[in-house]
């Protein structure tokens, strides 16, 4: 089965939340079949850093990226989730 790579940006709810803490919280809520392939930080403003992620998921996932967006957005430490790109992995 093919996989899809999602490039997303996750904005924390405050500057006190470190991207590494946020990454661990996201790992805890990922459903089976989803995997964080890469992560990094992007400075936004006034000390706020967004967490940039590449998450792989099964290609035939019903609803596309909606489920993973809702799970991550549901964390108290998250203010917003932005999907920047979706690509089929070979």
Protein backbone atom coordinates (compact mmCIF):
# COMPACT_ATOMS: atom_id res chain seq x y z
CA UNK A 1 0.00 0.00 0.00
CA UNK A 2 1.32 3.45 -0.90
CA UNK A 3 1.83 6.16 1.67
CA UNK A 4 1.24 9.90 1.71
CA UNK A 5 3.54 12.53 3.23
CA UNK A 6 1.89 15.51 4.92
CA UNK A 7 3.94 18.65 5.48
CA UNK A 8 2.34 20.61 8.28
CA UNK A 9 3.05 23.49 10.59
CA UNK A 10 1.80 23.31 14.19
CA UNK A 11 1.49 26.55 16.15
CA UNK A 12 1.79 26.23 19.95
CA UNK A 13 -0.72 27.96 22.21
CA UNK A 14 2.01 29.93 24.03
CA UNK A 15 5.70 30.82 23.86
CA UNK A 16 6.34 28.73 26.99
CA UNK A 17 5.65 25.52 25.07
CA UNK A 18 8.85 24.17 23.58
CA UNK A 19 8.67 22.48 20.15
CA UNK A 20 10.26 19.33 21.62
CA UNK A 21 7.45 19.08 24.22
CA UNK A 22 4.86 19.60 21.52
CA UNK A 23 6.46 16.91 19.36
CA UNK A 24 6.16 14.35 22.17
CA UNK A 25 2.48 15.23 22.76
CA UNK A 26 1.78 14.75 19.05
CA UNK A 27 3.58 11.38 19.00
CA UNK A 28 1.27 10.24 21.81
CA UNK A 29 -1.93 10.94 19.83
CA UNK A 30 -0.87 9.58 16.42
CA UNK A 31 -3.11 6.75 15.26
CA UNK A 32 -1.72 3.42 14.13
CA UNK A 33 -0.20 3.66 10.65
CA UNK A 34 0.92 7.28 11.07
CA UNK A 35 4.59 8.15 11.56
CA UNK A 36 6.56 11.36 12.07
CA UNK A 37 9.25 11.19 9.40
CA UNK A 38 10.92 14.55 10.13
CA UNK A 39 10.51 17.57 12.38
CA UNK A 40 11.97 21.03 12.77
CA UNK A 41 11.29 24.48 14.16
CA UNK A 42 10.38 27.74 12.44
CA UNK A 43 10.62 31.06 14.29
CA UNK A 44 7.36 33.01 13.97
CA UNK A 45 7.51 36.16 16.14
CA UNK A 46 8.20 37.33 19.70
CA UNK A 47 9.84 34.04 20.69
CA UNK A 48 7.06 31.86 19.27
CA UNK A 49 8.28 28.86 17.28
CA UNK A 50 6.10 26.70 15.05
CA UNK A 51 6.77 22.99 14.82
CA UNK A 52 7.19 21.81 11.22
CA UNK A 53 6.40 18.14 10.66
CA UNK A 54 6.45 15.59 7.89
CA UNK A 55 3.98 12.86 8.81
CA UNK A 56 3.42 9.77 6.70
CA UNK A 57 0.06 8.02 6.60
CA UNK A 58 -1.63 5.30 4.55
CA UNK A 59 -2.77 6.58 1.15
CA UNK A 60 -6.29 5.20 1.36
CA UNK A 61 -7.21 7.04 4.56
CA UNK A 62 -10.83 8.14 4.54
CA UNK A 63 -11.18 11.89 4.97
CA UNK A 64 -7.61 12.66 3.92
CA UNK A 65 -5.74 14.77 6.48
CA UNK A 66 -8.86 15.80 8.46
CA UNK A 67 -8.44 13.13 11.15
CA UNK A 68 -4.81 13.95 11.95
CA UNK A 69 -5.52 17.69 11.87
CA UNK A 70 -8.37 17.27 14.39
CA UNK A 71 -6.28 15.09 16.71
CA UNK A 72 -3.39 17.54 16.79
CA UNK A 73 -5.65 20.62 17.01
CA UNK A 74 -7.39 18.97 19.98
CA UNK A 75 -4.24 19.15 22.12
CA UNK A 76 -4.27 21.91 24.76
CA UNK A 77 -0.75 22.91 23.73
CA UNK A 78 -1.81 23.59 20.11
CA UNK A 79 -3.31 26.83 18.84
CA UNK A 80 -3.51 26.02 15.11
CA UNK A 81 -2.52 23.41 12.51
CA UNK A 82 -1.72 24.33 8.92
CA UNK A 83 -1.25 21.70 6.19
CA UNK A 84 1.26 23.11 3.73
CA UNK A 85 1.50 20.19 1.28
CA UNK A 86 0.44 16.60 0.69
CA UNK A 87 2.52 14.29 -1.54
CA UNK A 88 2.36 10.67 -2.52
CA UNK A 89 5.47 8.80 -1.39
CA UNK A 90 7.07 6.30 -3.73
